[in-house]
Amino acid sequence: MDHGKPGMVIAHLAPFSGGAAQGKLGLTDWSWDPTVLLGLALLVAVYVVAVRRGLLRNDDDTAPWFTRAALRPWFFAAGILSGFLALQSPIDTGGDDFLLSLHMIQHLVLMMVSPPLVLLGIAGMRSLPDNIAPRWRALWTFITRPWPATFIFNAVLLIWHIPSWYDATLTTPWIHIVEHLTFIGVGVIFWWPIVDPLRGARTKPVSPFVKMGMLGLAGIPPTVLGFLFALIGTPAYQFYARAPRLWGLSAVQDQQIAGVIMFGLGNIVYFVAISIIFLRLLGNPADDEAEVERSERTRAEVERPSAEHHPV
């Protein structure tokens, strides 16, 4: 049985002992999964359409993050490139077949690196007209409110690290696909209110203090899980306990490295995001309050004509 990808080894059948099979991973071990390539190409196509339809323009308000809207395509490209590397490079092959630590890097990129970069690529985007998919937009507005988004993100992160579930993702291809899609999805949901990309008459900016609170709370689960992985002396996942060994690392050593990556790299990402938001406040603390007031005044002006035409 394989994982549905060319070149996959049957890692879960290898014996775990002093003479465990040795794996091989080289720089040429790329996945080249056509579904992943098609998905990334589709995202790029949607971005191009958004630019051509005027949803992304050079005069958009991108002040919360950078001074020139022309920088947005670079952030978007960085997000697409990071996702491509996480899903197609030897990081993917090594994580699927040999090392929990490589799998951990892949998941952190999919949840904490690619989503905010892609969202920065649309920062300042104009809201769609109100009559387009109102029910779906209402649902999206609800799940991307700061605290529901934080809860959903942390819940999905914790659930997929339950040993029986994690092992299932590595032996059943469709479960593995669902895991990756949910990681990407909750990554976008969580980072949406932090990047806060939409600008329009009815949008209300998220407070920078709320953003920092979200990031602080989101740092708790990876810290706890990371310490557990680093401190427990037995493999948490049977798949990696039986996988061929790579680079002379035992299953426990690999797990300890994965733990350090999880609470170390994960919290570095959150710390960088908090620092950027905080430094912006130090630069001019009145900017965010003024932005909120501007948004509320504009929204009131839009709603006033409607109230005049429909008196209570």
C-alpha atoms as a PDB file:
ATOM      1  CA  MET A   1       0.000   0.000   0.000  1.00  0.00           C
ATOM      2  CA  ASP A   2       1.305   3.466  -0.826  1.00  0.00           C
ATOM      3  CA  HIS A   3       0.187   7.004  -0.095  1.00  0.00           C
ATOM      4  CA  GLY A   4      -1.098   7.715  -3.553  1.00  0.00           C
ATOM      5  CA  LYS A   5       2.029   9.672  -4.559  1.00  0.00           C
ATOM      6  CA  PRO A   6       4.910   8.516  -6.801  1.00  0.00           C
ATOM      7  CA  GLY A   7       8.061   7.467  -4.985  1.00  0.00           C
ATOM      8  CA  MET A   8       6.391   7.087  -1.586  1.00  0.00           C
ATOM      9  CA  VAL A   9       7.991   4.448   0.634  1.00  0.00           C
ATOM     10  CA  ILE A  10       5.946   2.150   2.835  1.00  0.00           C
ATOM     11  CA  ALA A  11       7.262   3.837   5.952  1.00  0.00           C
ATOM     12  CA  HIS A  12       4.660   2.473   8.341  1.00  0.00           C
ATOM     13  CA  LEU A  13       5.694  -1.129   7.620  1.00  0.00           C
ATOM     14  CA  ALA A  14       9.388  -0.654   8.469  1.00  0.00           C
ATOM     15  CA  PRO A  15      10.511  -2.249  11.758  1.00  0.00           C
ATOM     16  CA  PHE A  16      11.430  -0.026  14.703  1.00  0.00           C
ATOM     17  CA  SER A  17      14.511  -1.495  16.343  1.00  0.00           C
ATOM     18  CA  GLY A  18      18.222  -1.014  16.629  1.00  0.00           C
ATOM     19  CA  GLY A  19      18.476  -2.245  13.046  1.00  0.00           C
ATOM     20  CA  ALA A  20      15.661  -0.124  11.683  1.00  0.00           C
ATOM     21  CA  ALA A  21      15.630   0.490   7.956  1.00  0.00           C
ATOM     22  CA  GLN A  22      17.412   3.599   6.798  1.00  0.00           C
ATOM     23  CA  GLY A  23      15.563   6.061   4.612  1.00  0.00           C
ATOM     24  CA  LYS A  24      16.906   8.305   1.886  1.00  0.00           C
ATOM     25  CA  LEU A  25      15.828  11.852   1.105  1.00  0.00           C
ATOM     26  CA  GLY A  26      17.469  14.075  -1.468  1.00  0.00           C
ATOM     27  CA  LEU A  27      16.968  17.499  -2.965  1.00  0.00           C
ATOM     28  CA  THR A  28      15.358  15.887  -6.011  1.00  0.00           C
ATOM     29  CA  ASP A  29      12.567  14.211  -4.018  1.00  0.00           C
ATOM     30  CA  TRP A  30       9.775  16.579  -5.023  1.00  0.00           C
ATOM     31  CA  SER A  31       6.122  15.545  -5.060  1.00  0.00           C
ATOM     32  CA  TRP A  32       4.769  17.337  -8.170  1.00  0.00           C
ATOM     33  CA  ASP A  33       1.187  16.528  -7.200  1.00  0.00           C
ATOM     34  CA  PRO A  34      -1.002  17.832 -10.070  1.00  0.00           C
ATOM     35  CA  THR A  35      -3.909  18.669  -7.742  1.00  0.00           C
ATOM     36  CA  VAL A  36      -1.689  20.916  -5.627  1.00  0.00           C
ATOM     37  CA  LEU A  37      -0.200  22.598  -8.690  1.00  0.00           C
ATOM     38  CA  LEU A  38      -3.687  23.151 -10.115  1.00  0.00           C
ATOM     39  CA  GLY A  39      -4.921  24.610  -6.825  1.00  0.00           C
ATOM     40  CA  LEU A  40      -2.041  27.077  -6.622  1.00  0.00           C
ATOM     41  CA  ALA A  41      -2.492  28.044 -10.282  1.00  0.00           C
ATOM     42  CA  LEU A  42      -6.193  28.664  -9.593  1.00  0.00           C
ATOM     43  CA  LEU A  43      -5.343  31.004  -6.707  1.00  0.00           C
ATOM     44  CA  VAL A  44      -3.004  32.975  -8.973  1.00  0.00           C
ATOM     45  CA  ALA A  45      -5.719  33.160 -11.647  1.00  0.00           C
ATOM     46  CA  VAL A  46      -8.264  34.470  -9.121  1.00  0.00           C
ATOM     47  CA  TYR A  47      -5.758  37.117  -8.014  1.00  0.00           C
ATOM     48  CA  VAL A  48      -5.223  38.253 -11.594  1.00  0.00           C
ATOM     49  CA  VAL A  49      -8.991  38.460 -12.127  1.00  0.00           C
ATOM     50  CA  ALA A  50      -9.376  40.528  -8.935  1.00  0.00           C
ATOM     51  CA  VAL A  51      -6.817  43.002 -10.265  1.00  0.00           C
ATOM     52  CA  ARG A  52      -8.436  43.208 -13.692  1.00  0.00           C
ATOM     53  CA  ARG A  53     -11.925  43.638 -12.227  1.00  0.00           C
ATOM     54  CA  GLY A  54     -10.769  46.567 -10.088  1.00  0.00           C
ATOM     55  CA  LEU A  55     -11.130  44.812  -6.727  1.00  0.00           C
ATOM     56  CA  LEU A  56      -7.419  45.518  -6.212  1.00  0.00           C
ATOM     57  CA  ARG A  57      -6.226  48.961  -7.329  1.00  0.00           C
ATOM     58  CA  ASN A  58      -3.160  51.106  -6.812  1.00  0.00           C
ATOM     59  CA  ASP A  59      -5.152  53.708  -4.847  1.00  0.00           C
ATOM     60  CA  ASP A  60      -6.391  51.190  -2.246  1.00  0.00           C
ATOM     61  CA  ASP A  61      -5.852  51.970   1.439  1.00  0.00           C
ATOM     62  CA  THR A  62      -2.956  49.714   2.452  1.00  0.00           C
ATOM     63  CA  ALA A  63      -1.663  52.089   5.147  1.00  0.00           C
ATOM     64  CA  PRO A  64      -2.130  49.629   8.040  1.00  0.00           C
ATOM     65  CA  TRP A  65       0.658  47.437   6.640  1.00  0.00           C
ATOM     66  CA  PHE A  66       2.663  49.260   3.971  1.00  0.00           C
ATOM     67  CA  THR A  67       2.744  52.567   2.172  1.00  0.00           C
ATOM     68  CA  ARG A  68       2.444  51.380  -1.445  1.00  0.00           C
ATOM     69  CA  ALA A  69      -0.226  49.089  -2.828  1.00  0.00           C
ATOM     70  CA  ALA A  70       2.294  48.001  -5.475  1.00  0.00           C
ATOM     71  CA  LEU A  71       3.948  45.826  -2.793  1.00  0.00           C
ATOM     72  CA  ARG A  72       0.917  43.555  -2.507  1.00  0.00           C
ATOM     73  CA  PRO A  73       1.765  41.200  -5.405  1.00  0.00           C
ATOM     74  CA  TRP A  74       5.123  40.466  -3.781  1.00  0.00           C
ATOM     75  CA  PHE A  75       3.462  39.355  -0.553  1.00  0.00           C
ATOM     76  CA  PHE A  76       0.962  37.269  -2.486  1.00  0.00           C
ATOM     77  CA  ALA A  77       3.757  35.650  -4.495  1.00  0.00           C
ATOM     78  CA  ALA A  78       5.670  34.888  -1.285  1.00  0.00           C
ATOM     79  CA  GLY A  79       2.566  33.214   0.147  1.00  0.00           C
ATOM     80  CA  ILE A  80       2.070  31.082  -2.969  1.00  0.00           C
ATOM     81  CA  LEU A  81       5.771  30.178  -3.093  1.00  0.00           C
ATOM     82  CA  SER A  82       5.868  29.175   0.592  1.00  0.00           C
ATOM     83  CA  GLY A  83       2.781  26.996   0.123  1.00  0.00           C
ATOM     84  CA  PHE A  84       4.337  25.412  -2.969  1.00  0.00           C
ATOM     85  CA  LEU A  85       7.531  24.580  -1.095  1.00  0.00           C
ATOM     86  CA  ALA A  86       5.623  23.182   1.882  1.00  0.00           C
ATOM     87  CA  LEU A  87       3.438  20.912  -0.268  1.00  0.00           C
ATOM     88  CA  GLN A  88       5.763  19.882  -3.107  1.00  0.00           C
ATOM     89  CA  SER A  89       9.396  20.068  -1.974  1.00  0.00           C
ATOM     90  CA  PRO A  90      11.347  17.366  -0.077  1.00  0.00           C
ATOM     91  CA  ILE A  91       9.773  18.827   3.087  1.00  0.00           C
ATOM     92  CA  ASP A  92       6.540  17.111   2.002  1.00  0.00           C
ATOM     93  CA  THR A  93       8.180  13.818   1.047  1.00  0.00           C
ATOM     94  CA  GLY A  94      10.310  13.711   4.194  1.00  0.00           C
ATOM     95  CA  GLY A  95       7.376  14.535   6.458  1.00  0.00           C
ATOM     96  CA  ASP A  96       5.116  11.964   4.815  1.00  0.00           C
ATOM     97  CA  ASP A  97       7.655   9.139   4.976  1.00  0.00           C
ATOM     98  CA  PHE A  98      10.282   9.716   7.634  1.00  0.00           C
ATOM     99  CA  LEU A  99      10.306  12.631  10.089  1.00  0.00           C
ATOM    100  CA  LEU A 100       7.739  14.279  12.329  1.00  0.00           C
ATOM    101  CA  SER A 101       9.980  17.357  12.481  1.00  0.00           C
ATOM    102  CA  LEU A 102       9.688  17.924   8.711  1.00  0.00           C
ATOM    103  CA  HIS A 103       5.949  17.363   8.888  1.00  0.00           C
ATOM    104  CA  MET A 104       5.795  19.958  11.665  1.00  0.00           C
ATOM    105  CA  ILE A 105       7.594  22.520   9.496  1.00  0.00           C
ATOM    106  CA  GLN A 106       5.111  21.842   6.697  1.00  0.00           C
ATOM    107  CA  HIS A 107       2.097  22.357   8.966  1.00  0.00           C
ATOM    108  CA  LEU A 108       3.459  25.552  10.483  1.00  0.00           C
ATOM    109  CA  VAL A 109       4.025  27.008   7.022  1.00  0.00           C
ATOM    110  CA  LEU A 110       0.495  26.054   5.906  1.00  0.00           C
ATOM    111  CA  MET A 111      -1.096  27.601   9.010  1.00  0.00           C
ATOM    112  CA  MET A 112       1.157  30.472  10.043  1.00  0.00           C
ATOM    113  CA  VAL A 113       3.218  31.611   7.053  1.00  0.00           C
ATOM    114  CA  SER A 114       1.370  31.188   3.757  1.00  0.00           C
ATOM    115  CA  PRO A 115      -2.074  32.487   4.896  1.00  0.00           C
ATOM    116  CA  PRO A 116      -0.917  35.865   6.301  1.00  0.00           C
ATOM    117  CA  LEU A 117       1.341  36.457   3.283  1.00  0.00           C
ATOM    118  CA  VAL A 118      -1.493  35.744   0.830  1.00  0.00           C
ATOM    119  CA  LEU A 119      -3.856  37.989   2.827  1.00  0.00           C
ATOM    120  CA  LEU A 120      -1.284  40.782   2.844  1.00  0.00           C
ATOM    121  CA  GLY A 121      -1.373  40.384  -0.920  1.00  0.00           C
ATOM    122  CA  ILE A 122      -5.002  41.574  -0.901  1.00  0.00           C
ATOM    123  CA  ALA A 123      -4.723  44.138   1.925  1.00  0.00           C
ATOM    124  CA  GLY A 124      -6.922  47.141   1.186  1.00  0.00           C
ATOM    125  CA  MET A 125      -9.181  45.146  -1.122  1.00  0.00           C
ATOM    126  CA  ARG A 126     -12.587  46.706  -1.768  1.00  0.00           C
ATOM    127  CA  SER A 127     -15.601  44.837  -0.436  1.00  0.00           C
ATOM    128  CA  LEU A 128     -17.828  43.011  -2.879  1.00  0.00           C
ATOM    129  CA  PRO A 129     -21.316  44.434  -3.522  1.00  0.00           C
ATOM    130  CA  ASP A 130     -23.838  43.550  -0.806  1.00  0.00           C
ATOM    131  CA  ASN A 131     -26.015  41.494  -3.163  1.00  0.00           C
ATOM    132  CA  ILE A 132     -23.288  38.918  -3.901  1.00  0.00           C
ATOM    133  CA  ALA A 133     -23.699  35.710  -1.829  1.00  0.00           C
ATOM    134  CA  PRO A 134     -25.104  37.472   1.262  1.00  0.00           C
ATOM    135  CA  ARG A 135     -25.620  34.274   3.302  1.00  0.00           C
ATOM    136  CA  TRP A 136     -22.120  32.954   2.666  1.00  0.00           C
ATOM    137  CA  ARG A 137     -20.686  36.374   3.467  1.00  0.00           C
ATOM    138  CA  ALA A 138     -22.649  36.486   6.724  1.00  0.00           C
ATOM    139  CA  LEU A 139     -21.208  33.098   7.690  1.00  0.00           C
ATOM    140  CA  TRP A 140     -17.714  34.227   6.741  1.00  0.00           C
ATOM    141  CA  THR A 141     -18.137  37.424   8.761  1.00  0.00           C
ATOM    142  CA  PHE A 142     -19.128  35.378  11.804  1.00  0.00           C
ATOM    143  CA  ILE A 143     -16.319  32.804  11.706  1.00  0.00           C
ATOM    144  CA  THR A 144     -13.684  35.477  11.017  1.00  0.00           C
ATOM    145  CA  ARG A 145     -14.606  37.568  14.038  1.00  0.00           C
ATOM    146  CA  PRO A 146     -11.538  37.598  16.295  1.00  0.00           C
ATOM    147  CA  TRP A 147     -12.571  35.214  19.052  1.00  0.00           C
ATOM    148  CA  PRO A 148     -14.475  32.614  16.974  1.00  0.00           C
ATOM    149  CA  ALA A 149     -11.527  32.594  14.552  1.00  0.00           C
ATOM    150  CA  THR A 150      -9.058  32.028  17.403  1.00  0.00           C
ATOM    151  CA  PHE A 151     -11.155  29.192  18.841  1.00  0.00           C
ATOM    152  CA  ILE A 152     -11.563  27.451  15.470  1.00  0.00           C
ATOM    153  CA  PHE A 153      -7.842  27.751  14.718  1.00  0.00           C
ATOM    154  CA  ASN A 154      -6.719  26.327  18.066  1.00  0.00           C
ATOM    155  CA  ALA A 155      -9.365  23.569  18.069  1.00  0.00           C
ATOM    156  CA  VAL A 156      -8.335  22.280  14.640  1.00  0.00           C
ATOM    157  CA  LEU A 157      -4.650  22.411  15.576  1.00  0.00           C
ATOM    158  CA  LEU A 158      -5.226  20.351  18.725  1.00  0.00           C
ATOM    159  CA  ILE A 159      -7.666  17.831  17.216  1.00  0.00           C
ATOM    160  CA  TRP A 160      -5.365  16.832  14.371  1.00  0.00           C
ATOM    161  CA  HIS A 161      -2.538  16.142  16.840  1.00  0.00           C
ATOM    162  CA  ILE A 162      -4.517  13.423  18.632  1.00  0.00           C
ATOM    163  CA  PRO A 163      -2.267  10.350  18.039  1.00  0.00           C
ATOM    164  CA  SER A 164      -4.903   8.132  16.376  1.00  0.00           C
ATOM    165  CA  TRP A 165      -5.965  10.969  14.056  1.00  0.00           C
ATOM    166  CA  TYR A 166      -2.400  11.969  13.188  1.00  0.00           C
ATOM    167  CA  ASP A 167      -1.432   8.384  12.400  1.00  0.00           C
ATOM    168  CA  ALA A 168      -4.539   8.041  10.222  1.00  0.00           C
ATOM    169  CA  THR A 169      -3.492  11.049   8.110  1.00  0.00           C
ATOM    170  CA  LEU A 170      -0.195   9.329   7.322  1.00  0.00           C
ATOM    171  CA  THR A 171      -1.720   6.020   6.237  1.00  0.00           C
ATOM    172  CA  THR A 172      -4.935   7.178   4.507  1.00  0.00           C
ATOM    173  CA  PRO A 173      -4.481   9.608   1.593  1.00  0.00           C
ATOM    174  CA  TRP A 174      -7.918  11.262   1.675  1.00  0.00           C
ATOM    175  CA  ILE A 175      -7.639  11.978   5.418  1.00  0.00           C
ATOM    176  CA  HIS A 176      -4.229  13.537   4.784  1.00  0.00           C
ATOM    177  CA  ILE A 177      -5.734  15.782   2.118  1.00  0.00           C
ATOM    178  CA  VAL A 178      -8.555  16.837   4.457  1.00  0.00           C
ATOM    179  CA  GLU A 179      -6.004  17.616   7.181  1.00  0.00           C
ATOM    180  CA  HIS A 180      -4.002  19.894   4.895  1.00  0.00           C
ATOM    181  CA  LEU A 181      -7.108  21.645   3.565  1.00  0.00           C
ATOM    182  CA  THR A 182      -8.375  22.314   7.088  1.00  0.00           C
ATOM    183  CA  PHE A 183      -4.971  23.618   8.177  1.00  0.00           C
ATOM    184  CA  ILE A 184      -4.929  26.043   5.250  1.00  0.00           C
ATOM    185  CA  GLY A 185      -8.575  26.965   5.802  1.00  0.00           C
ATOM    186  CA  VAL A 186      -8.291  27.736   9.515  1.00  0.00           C
ATOM    187  CA  GLY A 187      -5.038  29.566   8.800  1.00  0.00           C
ATOM    188  CA  VAL A 188      -6.936  31.943   6.512  1.00  0.00           C
ATOM    189  CA  ILE A 189      -9.791  32.246   9.044  1.00  0.00           C
ATOM    190  CA  PHE A 190      -7.407  33.093  11.909  1.00  0.00           C
ATOM    191  CA  TRP A 191      -5.227  35.566  10.020  1.00  0.00           C
ATOM    192  CA  TRP A 192      -8.167  37.296   8.334  1.00  0.00           C
ATOM    193  CA  PRO A 193      -9.071  39.570  11.299  1.00  0.00           C
ATOM    194  CA  ILE A 194      -5.380  40.158  12.032  1.00  0.00           C
ATOM    195  CA  VAL A 195      -4.508  41.275   8.507  1.00  0.00           C
ATOM    196  CA  ASP A 196      -8.034  42.743   8.235  1.00  0.00           C
ATOM    197  CA  PRO A 197      -7.747  43.044   4.430  1.00  0.00           C
ATOM    198  CA  LEU A 198     -11.107  44.498   3.369  1.00  0.00           C
ATOM    199  CA  ARG A 199     -11.800  48.214   3.172  1.00  0.00           C
ATOM    200  CA  GLY A 200     -15.200  49.704   2.469  1.00  0.00           C
ATOM    201  CA  ALA A 201     -18.071  51.800   3.776  1.00  0.00           C
ATOM    202  CA  ARG A 202     -19.365  48.958   5.965  1.00  0.00           C
ATOM    203  CA  THR A 203     -16.095  47.488   7.226  1.00  0.00           C
ATOM    204  CA  LYS A 204     -14.942  48.192  10.756  1.00  0.00           C
ATOM    205  CA  PRO A 205     -11.197  47.793  11.458  1.00  0.00           C
ATOM    206  CA  VAL A 206     -10.202  45.307  14.158  1.00  0.00           C
ATOM    207  CA  SER A 207      -8.543  46.913  17.181  1.00  0.00           C
ATOM    208  CA  PRO A 208      -4.769  46.324  17.348  1.00  0.00           C
ATOM    209  CA  PHE A 209      -5.151  45.248  20.994  1.00  0.00           C
ATOM    210  CA  VAL A 210      -7.631  42.560  19.939  1.00  0.00           C
ATOM    211  CA  LYS A 211      -5.175  41.393  17.281  1.00  0.00           C
ATOM    212  CA  MET A 212      -2.390  41.092  19.852  1.00  0.00           C
ATOM    213  CA  GLY A 213      -4.756  39.230  22.180  1.00  0.00           C
ATOM    214  CA  MET A 214      -5.567  36.746  19.417  1.00  0.00           C
ATOM    215  CA  LEU A 215      -1.892  36.137  18.720  1.00  0.00           C
ATOM    216  CA  GLY A 216      -1.138  35.699  22.411  1.00  0.00           C
ATOM    217  CA  LEU A 217      -3.892  33.096  22.861  1.00  0.00           C
ATOM    218  CA  ALA A 218      -2.919  31.277  19.678  1.00  0.00           C
ATOM    219  CA  GLY A 219       0.591  30.823  21.063  1.00  0.00           C
ATOM    220  CA  ILE A 220      -0.625  28.676  23.987  1.00  0.00           C
ATOM    221  CA  PRO A 221      -1.515  25.385  22.174  1.00  0.00           C
ATOM    222  CA  PRO A 222       1.737  25.092  20.161  1.00  0.00           C
ATOM    223  CA  THR A 223       3.720  25.920  23.289  1.00  0.00           C
ATOM    224  CA  VAL A 224       2.015  23.181  25.327  1.00  0.00           C
ATOM    225  CA  LEU A 225       2.181  20.605  22.537  1.00  0.00           C
ATOM    226  CA  GLY A 226       5.752  21.561  21.716  1.00  0.00           C
ATOM    227  CA  PHE A 227       6.904  21.049  25.298  1.00  0.00           C
ATOM    228  CA  LEU A 228       5.106  17.698  25.461  1.00  0.00           C
ATOM    229  CA  PHE A 229       6.803  16.491  22.291  1.00  0.00           C
ATOM    230  CA  ALA A 230      10.176  17.701  23.562  1.00  0.00           C
ATOM    231  CA  LEU A 231       9.865  16.157  27.035  1.00  0.00           C
ATOM    232  CA  ILE A 232       8.122  12.795  26.672  1.00  0.00           C
ATOM    233  CA  GLY A 233      10.539   9.924  26.197  1.00  0.00           C
ATOM    234  CA  THR A 234       8.453   7.703  23.899  1.00  0.00           C
ATOM    235  CA  PRO A 235       7.158   8.295  20.348  1.00  0.00           C
ATOM    236  CA  ALA A 236       3.645   9.769  20.351  1.00  0.00           C
ATOM    237  CA  TYR A 237       2.882   8.518  16.842  1.00  0.00           C
ATOM    238  CA  GLN A 238       3.316   4.884  15.828  1.00  0.00           C
ATOM    239  CA  PHE A 239       3.808   5.801  12.189  1.00  0.00           C
ATOM    240  CA  TYR A 240       7.048   7.630  12.957  1.00  0.00           C
ATOM    241  CA  ALA A 241       8.114   5.023  15.520  1.00  0.00           C
ATOM    242  CA  ARG A 242       8.142   2.453  12.713  1.00  0.00           C
ATOM    243  CA  ALA A 243       9.308   4.699   9.866  1.00  0.00           C
ATOM    244  CA  PRO A 244      12.745   4.228   8.264  1.00  0.00           C
ATOM    245  CA  ARG A 245      15.288   6.371  10.068  1.00  0.00           C
ATOM    246  CA  LEU A 246      16.746   9.434   8.395  1.00  0.00           C
ATOM    247  CA  TRP A 247      19.995  11.312   9.129  1.00  0.00           C
ATOM    248  CA  GLY A 248      20.716   9.114  12.135  1.00  0.00           C
ATOM    249  CA  LEU A 249      17.788  10.481  14.148  1.00  0.00           C
ATOM    250  CA  SER A 250      15.822   8.144  16.386  1.00  0.00           C
ATOM    251  CA  ALA A 251      12.059   8.533  16.609  1.00  0.00           C
ATOM    252  CA  VAL A 252      12.356  10.207  20.015  1.00  0.00           C
ATOM    253  CA  GLN A 253      15.077  12.616  18.863  1.00  0.00           C
ATOM    254  CA  ASP A 254      12.970  13.500  15.823  1.00  0.00           C
ATOM    255  CA  GLN A 255       9.978  14.119  18.076  1.00  0.00           C
ATOM    256  CA  GLN A 256      12.014  16.356  20.381  1.00  0.00           C
ATOM    257  CA  ILE A 257      13.166  18.446  17.420  1.00  0.00           C
ATOM    258  CA  ALA A 258       9.551  18.647  16.245  1.00  0.00           C
ATOM    259  CA  GLY A 259       8.547  19.938  19.672  1.00  0.00           C
ATOM    260  CA  VAL A 260      11.207  22.644  19.604  1.00  0.00           C
ATOM    261  CA  ILE A 261      10.100  23.642  16.098  1.00  0.00           C
ATOM    262  CA  MET A 262       6.478  23.806  17.179  1.00  0.00           C
ATOM    263  CA  PHE A 263       6.817  26.058  20.214  1.00  0.00           C
ATOM    264  CA  GLY A 264       9.904  27.843  18.901  1.00  0.00           C
ATOM    265  CA  LEU A 265       9.113  28.660  15.274  1.00  0.00           C
ATOM    266  CA  GLY A 266       5.378  28.969  15.964  1.00  0.00           C
ATOM    267  CA  ASN A 267       5.876  31.548  18.701  1.00  0.00           C
ATOM    268  CA  ILE A 268       8.480  33.416  16.649  1.00  0.00           C
ATOM    269  CA  VAL A 269       5.823  33.970  13.960  1.00  0.00           C
ATOM    270  CA  TYR A 270       3.358  35.259  16.557  1.00  0.00           C
ATOM    271  CA  PHE A 271       6.011  37.428  18.198  1.00  0.00           C
ATOM    272  CA  VAL A 272       6.925  39.029  14.875  1.00  0.00           C
ATOM    273  CA  ALA A 273       3.255  39.764  14.147  1.00  0.00           C
ATOM    274  CA  ILE A 274       2.686  41.238  17.628  1.00  0.00           C
ATOM    275  CA  SER A 275       5.851  43.337  17.311  1.00  0.00           C
ATOM    276  CA  ILE A 276       4.739  44.801  13.972  1.00  0.00           C
ATOM    277  CA  ILE A 277       1.318  45.726  15.360  1.00  0.00           C
ATOM    278  CA  PHE A 278       2.812  47.146  18.565  1.00  0.00           C
ATOM    279  CA  LEU A 279       5.481  49.180  16.772  1.00  0.00           C
ATOM    280  CA  ARG A 280       2.808  50.684  14.584  1.00  0.00           C
ATOM    281  CA  LEU A 281       0.997  51.827  17.706  1.00  0.00           C
ATOM    282  CA  LEU A 282       4.196  53.364  19.047  1.00  0.00           C
ATOM    283  CA  GLY A 283       4.712  55.164  15.755  1.00  0.00           C
ATOM    284  CA  ASN A 284       1.371  56.958  16.002  1.00  0.00           C
ATOM    285  CA  PRO A 285      -1.114  55.607  18.576  1.00  0.00           C
ATOM    286  CA  ALA A 286      -3.898  57.785  17.170  1.00  0.00           C
ATOM    287  CA  ASP A 287      -3.812  56.189  13.723  1.00  0.00           C
ATOM    288  CA  ASP A 288      -5.912  53.151  14.581  1.00  0.00           C
ATOM    289  CA  GLU A 289      -8.546  55.096  16.502  1.00  0.00           C
ATOM    290  CA  ALA A 290      -8.781  57.593  13.659  1.00  0.00           C
ATOM    291  CA  GLU A 291      -9.193  54.717  11.224  1.00  0.00           C
ATOM    292  CA  VAL A 292     -12.073  53.307  13.265  1.00  0.00           C
ATOM    293  CA  GLU A 293     -13.740  56.729  13.506  1.00  0.00           C
ATOM    294  CA  ARG A 294     -13.366  57.294   9.749  1.00  0.00           C
ATOM    295  CA  SER A 295     -14.964  53.954   9.044  1.00  0.00           C
ATOM    296  CA  GLU A 296     -17.882  54.640  11.374  1.00  0.00           C
ATOM    297  CA  ARG A 297     -18.512  58.102   9.869  1.00  0.00           C
ATOM    298  CA  THR A 298     -18.471  56.701   6.348  1.00  0.00           C
ATOM    299  CA  ARG A 299     -20.811  53.886   7.317  1.00  0.00           C
ATOM    300  CA  ALA A 300     -23.224  56.351   8.927  1.00  0.00           C
ATOM    301  CA  GLU A 301     -23.238  58.499   5.784  1.00  0.00           C
ATOM    302  CA  VAL A 302     -24.038  55.440   3.658  1.00  0.00           C
ATOM    303  CA  GLU A 303     -26.865  54.318   5.938  1.00  0.00           C
ATOM    304  CA  ARG A 304     -28.440  57.805   6.405  1.00  0.00           C
ATOM    305  CA  PRO A 305     -30.028  58.042   2.908  1.00  0.00           C
ATOM    306  CA  SER A 306     -31.575  54.617   3.419  1.00  0.00           C
ATOM    307  CA  ALA A 307     -33.112  55.732   6.731  1.00  0.00           C
ATOM    308  CA  GLU A 308     -34.501  58.873   5.101  1.00  0.00           C
ATOM    309  CA  HIS A 309     -36.225  56.858   2.379  1.00  0.00           C
ATOM    310  CA  HIS A 310     -37.587  54.323   4.856  1.00  0.00           C
ATOM    311  CA  PRO A 311     -38.749  56.277   7.942  1.00  0.00           C
ATOM    312  CA  VAL A 312     -39.781  54.238  10.969  1.00  0.00           C
END
